[in-house]
């Protein structure tokens, strides 16, 4: 699963990569070195036929949930690609509300006996990682404001990631982003071919301090390698 990430890009970099340099201002936006579930993250989606970037809650609250607290019991931070087209929590969002989650990278833990060793994973060229996601709008009875939330789509690990964990986020190729976001595409058979592990050659991974285990540690220090053999 993918349960922690980091976003060290700027609003200008988001605009250049996803919005053709249209001005972008996100309320309260700041770099985060230890993004955790329930926190807000920039998300790229299509609204009224145009790409936009909003900040959504990480951890999808399904349309049928009676409360945000009830939805939290299901831990919907990840949507498994193998079941996304059929699972009740995601099926409608998969067909109609797909998004891209821009990450600078993510963390994953390798289990060595009783120990868990955290690794940071980023694109080898250090560009923004376009991760496939699905989003949902939820509004409780008696409330006037809708909650927008998302899940990261995951798949089986590529060879590089398999040395750390058996799952990884779906990292989209640049040429696949438009297709993934296209609101006119609804058929699973046209979307599922994109739900696959990216080539290992795209990624670099290195071990970091266990300080990242706590989401309260949110500083550049958590990204420092614990050895000198960082690629």
Protein backbone atom coordinates (compact mmCIF):
# COMPACT_ATOMS: atom_id res chain seq x y z
CA UNK A 1 0.00 0.00 0.00
CA UNK A 2 0.99 3.64 -0.20
CA UNK A 3 0.38 5.32 3.14
CA UNK A 4 2.84 8.19 3.23
CA UNK A 5 4.20 10.60 0.62
CA UNK A 6 5.98 13.91 0.14
CA UNK A 7 5.25 16.96 -2.00
CA UNK A 8 8.12 19.43 -2.27
CA UNK A 9 7.08 21.12 -5.52
CA UNK A 10 5.81 24.69 -5.94
CA UNK A 11 2.50 25.96 -7.27
CA UNK A 12 4.37 27.25 -10.32
CA UNK A 13 5.77 23.77 -11.03
CA UNK A 14 2.26 22.29 -10.77
CA UNK A 15 0.96 24.91 -13.18
CA UNK A 16 3.72 24.23 -15.70
CA UNK A 17 3.25 20.46 -15.63
CA UNK A 18 -0.54 20.20 -15.56
CA UNK A 19 -2.22 23.53 -16.40
CA UNK A 20 -0.21 24.89 -19.33
CA UNK A 21 1.14 27.62 -17.04
CA UNK A 22 -2.24 28.99 -16.02
CA UNK A 23 -1.93 30.90 -12.72
CA UNK A 24 -2.50 28.68 -9.70
CA UNK A 25 -3.10 29.68 -6.10
CA UNK A 26 -4.01 27.01 -3.55
CA UNK A 27 -5.32 28.15 -0.19
CA UNK A 28 -2.84 27.29 2.55
CA UNK A 29 -0.56 25.35 0.19
CA UNK A 30 2.90 24.49 1.47
CA UNK A 31 5.47 21.83 0.81
CA UNK A 32 5.10 18.71 2.92
CA UNK A 33 7.80 16.15 3.60
CA UNK A 34 5.54 13.64 5.32
CA UNK A 35 2.02 13.67 3.90
CA UNK A 36 -0.29 11.38 5.88
CA UNK A 37 -3.86 10.13 5.39
CA UNK A 38 -6.65 12.61 6.24
CA UNK A 39 -4.41 15.52 5.22
CA UNK A 40 -5.13 17.58 2.12
CA UNK A 41 -3.16 17.21 -1.10
CA UNK A 42 -3.25 18.93 -4.49
CA UNK A 43 -5.16 16.78 -6.98
CA UNK A 44 -5.55 17.26 -10.74
CA UNK A 45 -9.04 16.66 -12.10
CA UNK A 46 -11.32 17.80 -14.92
CA UNK A 47 -14.25 20.06 -14.11
CA UNK A 48 -16.57 21.56 -16.74
CA UNK A 49 -14.27 20.28 -19.45
CA UNK A 50 -11.15 21.97 -18.10
CA UNK A 51 -8.25 20.73 -16.02
CA UNK A 52 -8.08 22.19 -12.55
CA UNK A 53 -6.18 21.55 -9.34
CA UNK A 54 -7.97 21.38 -6.01
CA UNK A 55 -6.87 20.26 -2.56
CA UNK A 56 -8.67 17.09 -1.48
CA UNK A 57 -8.62 14.95 1.64
CA UNK A 58 -6.49 11.82 1.36
CA UNK A 59 -8.72 8.89 2.27
CA UNK A 60 -11.79 8.48 0.09
CA UNK A 61 -15.14 8.84 1.84
CA UNK A 62 -17.56 6.76 -0.28
CA UNK A 63 -20.91 8.19 -1.30
CA UNK A 64 -22.75 5.63 0.84
CA UNK A 65 -20.88 6.37 4.09
CA UNK A 66 -23.07 7.56 6.95
CA UNK A 67 -20.24 9.65 8.36
CA UNK A 68 -16.61 10.51 7.75
CA UNK A 69 -15.74 8.65 10.96
CA UNK A 70 -17.51 5.51 9.72
CA UNK A 71 -15.67 5.68 6.41
CA UNK A 72 -12.33 5.92 8.22
CA UNK A 73 -12.80 2.36 9.48
CA UNK A 74 -12.37 1.10 5.93
CA UNK A 75 -8.97 2.79 5.44
CA UNK A 76 -9.75 3.91 1.91
CA UNK A 77 -6.42 5.61 1.26
CA UNK A 78 -5.62 3.12 -1.52
CA UNK A 79 -7.78 1.56 -4.22
CA UNK A 80 -6.47 -1.79 -5.41
CA UNK A 81 -6.33 -1.74 -9.19
CA UNK A 82 -7.36 -5.38 -9.44
CA UNK A 83 -10.77 -4.66 -7.90
CA UNK A 84 -11.36 -0.99 -8.61
CA UNK A 85 -13.87 -1.61 -11.41
CA UNK A 86 -16.15 -3.77 -9.22
CA UNK A 87 -15.70 -2.72 -5.60
CA UNK A 88 -18.64 -0.69 -4.35
CA UNK A 89 -16.45 1.97 -2.75
CA UNK A 90 -14.68 2.83 -5.99
CA UNK A 91 -16.57 1.55 -9.03
CA UNK A 92 -18.54 4.73 -9.74
CA UNK A 93 -15.57 6.97 -9.08
CA UNK A 94 -13.40 4.83 -11.35
CA UNK A 95 -15.82 5.35 -14.21
CA UNK A 96 -16.54 9.03 -13.69
CA UNK A 97 -14.21 10.71 -11.18
CA UNK A 98 -10.60 9.90 -11.86
CA UNK A 99 -7.77 12.22 -10.88
CA UNK A 100 -4.01 12.55 -10.82
CA UNK A 101 -2.20 12.99 -7.51
CA UNK A 102 1.07 14.90 -8.01
CA UNK A 103 3.77 13.56 -5.70
CA UNK A 104 7.44 14.35 -5.39
CA UNK A 105 7.75 10.82 -4.08
CA UNK A 106 6.38 8.36 -1.56
CA UNK A 107 7.58 6.25 1.33
CA UNK A 108 7.32 2.52 1.76
CA UNK A 109 8.51 0.18 4.49
CA UNK A 110 10.53 -3.00 3.99
CA UNK A 111 9.97 -5.67 6.60
CA UNK A 112 13.20 -7.26 7.83
CA UNK A 113 12.25 -9.73 10.53
CA UNK A 114 10.65 -7.67 13.28
CA UNK A 115 12.00 -4.42 11.89
CA UNK A 116 10.42 -2.13 9.31
CA UNK A 117 12.87 0.02 7.36
CA UNK A 118 11.46 3.08 5.55
CA UNK A 119 12.49 3.96 2.00
CA UNK A 120 11.86 7.08 -0.06
CA UNK A 121 10.99 6.48 -3.71
CA UNK A 122 11.02 9.15 -6.41
CA UNK A 123 11.35 9.44 -10.18
CA UNK A 124 14.93 9.11 -11.34
CA UNK A 125 14.70 12.42 -13.21
CA UNK A 126 13.16 14.07 -10.11
CA UNK A 127 10.15 15.39 -12.00
CA UNK A 128 6.69 15.39 -10.41
CA UNK A 129 5.25 11.88 -10.17
CA UNK A 130 1.74 11.63 -11.69
CA UNK A 131 -0.05 9.02 -9.60
CA UNK A 132 -3.45 7.66 -10.65
CA UNK A 133 -6.29 8.36 -8.25
CA UNK A 134 -10.07 8.37 -7.91
CA UNK A 135 -12.08 10.97 -6.04
CA UNK A 136 -15.51 11.27 -4.49
CA UNK A 137 -17.89 13.95 -3.28
CA UNK A 138 -19.60 13.24 0.05
CA UNK A 139 -22.14 15.35 1.87
CA UNK A 140 -23.73 14.37 5.14
CA UNK A 141 -27.32 15.05 6.00
CA UNK A 142 -27.81 18.49 7.48
CA UNK A 143 -24.50 19.80 6.11
CA UNK A 144 -24.11 22.47 3.45
CA UNK A 145 -20.51 21.80 2.44
CA UNK A 146 -19.40 18.76 0.46
CA UNK A 147 -16.23 16.90 1.38
CA UNK A 148 -13.98 16.02 -1.57
CA UNK A 149 -11.65 13.10 -0.96
CA UNK A 150 -9.45 10.72 -2.95
CA UNK A 151 -7.71 7.36 -2.98
CA UNK A 152 -4.44 6.45 -4.66
CA UNK A 153 -4.71 3.56 -7.12
CA UNK A 154 -2.22 0.77 -6.43
CA UNK A 155 -0.95 -2.22 -8.36
CA UNK A 156 1.56 -5.04 -7.98
CA UNK A 157 5.16 -4.00 -7.46
CA UNK A 158 7.71 -3.73 -10.25
CA UNK A 159 11.09 -5.44 -9.66
CA UNK A 160 12.63 -2.43 -7.92
CA UNK A 161 9.67 -2.00 -5.57
CA UNK A 162 9.32 -5.75 -4.99
CA UNK A 163 12.55 -5.60 -2.99
CA UNK A 164 10.74 -3.27 -0.58
CA UNK A 165 7.01 -4.08 -0.74
CA UNK A 166 4.60 -6.10 -2.87
CA UNK A 167 2.44 -3.08 -3.83
CA UNK A 168 3.07 0.34 -5.36
CA UNK A 169 1.10 3.33 -6.66
CA UNK A 170 0.15 3.44 -10.33
CA UNK A 171 2.56 5.99 -11.83
CA UNK A 172 1.18 7.28 -15.13
CA UNK A 173 3.28 8.01 -18.19
CA UNK A 174 2.96 11.57 -19.48
CA UNK A 175 1.11 10.38 -22.58
CA UNK A 176 -1.47 8.51 -20.46
CA UNK A 177 -2.53 11.39 -18.21
CA UNK A 178 -5.01 12.87 -20.68
CA UNK A 179 -6.69 9.50 -21.19
CA UNK A 180 -6.92 8.81 -17.45
CA UNK A 181 -8.51 12.21 -16.80
CA UNK A 182 -10.87 12.15 -19.81
CA UNK A 183 -14.43 12.38 -18.40
CA UNK A 184 -15.80 10.90 -21.63
CA UNK A 185 -14.01 7.60 -21.00
CA UNK A 186 -16.11 5.34 -18.76
CA UNK A 187 -15.41 1.78 -19.90
CA UNK A 188 -13.15 -0.27 -17.60
CA UNK A 189 -11.65 -2.06 -20.60
CA UNK A 190 -10.28 1.29 -21.81
CA UNK A 191 -8.90 2.27 -18.42
CA UNK A 192 -7.59 -0.90 -16.81
CA UNK A 193 -4.64 -1.21 -19.23
CA UNK A 194 -3.22 1.90 -17.52
CA UNK A 195 -3.43 0.24 -14.09
CA UNK A 196 -0.01 -1.38 -14.16
CA UNK A 197 3.39 -0.96 -12.51
CA UNK A 198 5.70 1.54 -14.13
CA UNK A 199 9.14 0.36 -15.29
CA UNK A 200 11.73 0.03 -12.54
CA UNK A 201 14.02 2.26 -14.60
CA UNK A 202 11.79 5.23 -13.84
CA UNK A 203 12.43 5.07 -10.10
CA UNK A 204 15.09 5.50 -7.46
CA UNK A 205 14.75 4.25 -3.88
CA UNK A 206 16.91 4.85 -0.83
CA UNK A 207 16.61 4.18 2.89
CA UNK A 208 15.65 7.00 5.26
CA UNK A 209 15.43 7.44 9.01
CA UNK A 210 12.59 5.92 11.03
CA UNK A 211 11.74 9.50 11.99
CA UNK A 212 9.36 9.36 9.03
CA UNK A 213 7.27 6.80 10.93
CA UNK A 214 5.58 9.65 12.79
CA UNK A 215 3.63 12.13 10.65
CA UNK A 216 4.51 14.82 13.20
CA UNK A 217 8.03 14.75 11.75
CA UNK A 218 7.52 16.95 8.71
CA UNK A 219 10.81 18.55 7.73
CA UNK A 220 13.48 18.02 5.06
CA UNK A 221 15.39 15.88 7.57
CA UNK A 222 13.06 12.92 7.02
CA UNK A 223 14.22 12.73 3.38
CA UNK A 224 17.90 12.47 4.19
CA UNK A 225 19.43 9.09 3.37
CA UNK A 226 20.78 7.15 6.32
CA UNK A 227 23.74 5.92 4.26
CA UNK A 228 26.05 7.51 1.70
CA UNK A 229 25.11 5.20 -1.18
CA UNK A 230 22.11 7.26 -2.37
CA UNK A 231 21.77 6.93 -6.17
